[in-house]
Amino acid sequence: MLKIILAYLLVINLVGFIIMLIDKQKAIHKEWRIPENTLIGISIIGGSIGMLFGMSAFRHKTKHIKFKFGVPFILFIQIGLIILYFNY
């Protein structure tokens, strides 16, 4: 079960990282963008680390309060839930 969870987290964080790259490229070329709710949703379902790395690597969404503080907050909550889960 642990291997499945780790594989899921690896994949969803890779998706988070790549989706930030795609949205940045679309922004540069003034094309249709990925909705912010989709980006936040990926963070919520486990992709927050990939999203943070993508934000940093591509300098994308770093000035938006929702992302600057929201994605790290989501990660903080996720880490807290993991700690609670393994302590009970």
Protein backbone atom coordinates (compact mmCIF):
# COMPACT_ATOMS: atom_id res chain seq x y z
CA MET A 1 0.00 0.00 0.00
CA LEU A 2 2.84 2.38 0.84
CA LYS A 3 4.38 1.83 -2.61
CA ILE A 4 1.08 2.78 -4.26
CA ILE A 5 0.83 5.97 -2.19
CA LEU A 6 4.43 6.95 -2.94
CA ALA A 7 3.92 6.26 -6.66
CA TYR A 8 0.76 8.39 -6.63
CA LEU A 9 2.57 11.26 -4.89
CA LEU A 10 5.45 11.06 -7.35
CA VAL A 11 3.09 11.18 -10.33
CA ILE A 12 0.81 13.94 -9.00
CA ASN A 13 3.79 16.12 -8.08
CA LEU A 14 5.29 15.60 -11.52
CA VAL A 15 1.91 16.63 -12.96
CA GLY A 16 1.92 19.72 -10.72
CA PHE A 17 5.39 20.70 -11.89
CA ILE A 18 4.60 20.15 -15.58
CA ILE A 19 1.26 21.95 -15.41
CA MET A 20 3.02 25.03 -14.05
CA LEU A 21 5.39 24.89 -17.03
CA ILE A 22 2.48 24.54 -19.45
CA ASP A 23 0.58 27.45 -17.87
CA LYS A 24 3.71 29.63 -17.93
CA GLN A 25 4.25 28.90 -21.63
CA LYS A 26 0.60 29.68 -22.37
CA ALA A 27 0.94 32.96 -20.46
CA ILE A 28 4.02 33.94 -22.45
CA HIS A 29 2.25 33.25 -25.74
CA LYS A 30 -1.01 34.87 -24.57
CA GLU A 31 -2.94 31.65 -25.12
CA TRP A 32 -5.82 30.05 -23.22
CA ARG A 33 -4.70 29.44 -19.62
CA ILE A 34 -5.24 26.67 -17.14
CA PRO A 35 -7.84 27.84 -14.59
CA GLU A 36 -6.44 28.80 -11.18
CA ASN A 37 -8.92 26.48 -9.49
CA THR A 38 -7.42 23.57 -11.44
CA LEU A 39 -3.93 24.54 -10.32
CA ILE A 40 -5.03 24.80 -6.68
CA GLY A 41 -6.94 21.54 -7.04
CA ILE A 42 -3.79 19.72 -8.08
CA SER A 43 -2.12 21.03 -4.93
CA ILE A 44 -5.01 19.85 -2.79
CA ILE A 45 -4.94 16.30 -4.18
CA GLY A 46 -1.25 15.93 -3.33
CA GLY A 47 0.71 17.92 -5.91
CA SER A 48 1.70 20.84 -3.70
CA ILE A 49 5.42 20.06 -3.70
CA GLY A 50 5.53 19.85 -7.48
CA MET A 51 3.53 23.06 -7.74
CA LEU A 52 5.96 24.86 -5.41
CA PHE A 53 8.96 23.64 -7.39
CA GLY A 54 7.22 24.68 -10.62
CA MET A 55 6.40 28.12 -9.24
CA SER A 56 10.02 28.61 -8.28
CA ALA A 57 11.61 27.08 -11.38
CA PHE A 58 9.43 28.97 -13.87
CA ARG A 59 8.82 32.12 -11.78
CA HIS A 60 5.12 31.61 -12.31
CA LYS A 61 2.26 32.68 -10.02
CA THR A 62 4.78 33.82 -7.40
CA LYS A 63 3.13 37.21 -6.94
CA HIS A 64 -0.41 35.87 -6.58
CA ILE A 65 -1.36 35.71 -2.89
CA LYS A 66 -3.51 32.62 -3.53
CA PHE A 67 -0.43 30.75 -4.73
CA LYS A 68 2.32 32.45 -2.74
CA PHE A 69 0.67 31.57 0.57
CA GLY A 70 -2.03 29.08 -0.44
CA VAL A 71 0.13 26.30 -1.89
CA PRO A 72 2.59 26.30 1.06
CA PHE A 73 -0.40 26.31 3.44
CA ILE A 74 -1.88 23.30 1.62
CA LEU A 75 1.47 21.52 1.93
CA PHE A 76 1.64 22.39 5.64
CA ILE A 77 -1.85 20.91 6.18
CA GLN A 78 -0.93 17.79 4.19
CA ILE A 79 2.23 17.24 6.25
CA GLY A 80 0.21 17.70 9.44
CA LEU A 81 -2.35 15.13 8.31
CA ILE A 82 0.41 12.65 7.46
CA ILE A 83 1.97 13.14 10.91
CA LEU A 84 -1.42 12.65 12.57
CA TYR A 85 -2.09 9.54 10.51
CA PHE A 86 1.18 7.86 11.41
CA ASN A 87 0.89 8.77 15.09
CA TYR A 88 -2.49 7.00 15.43
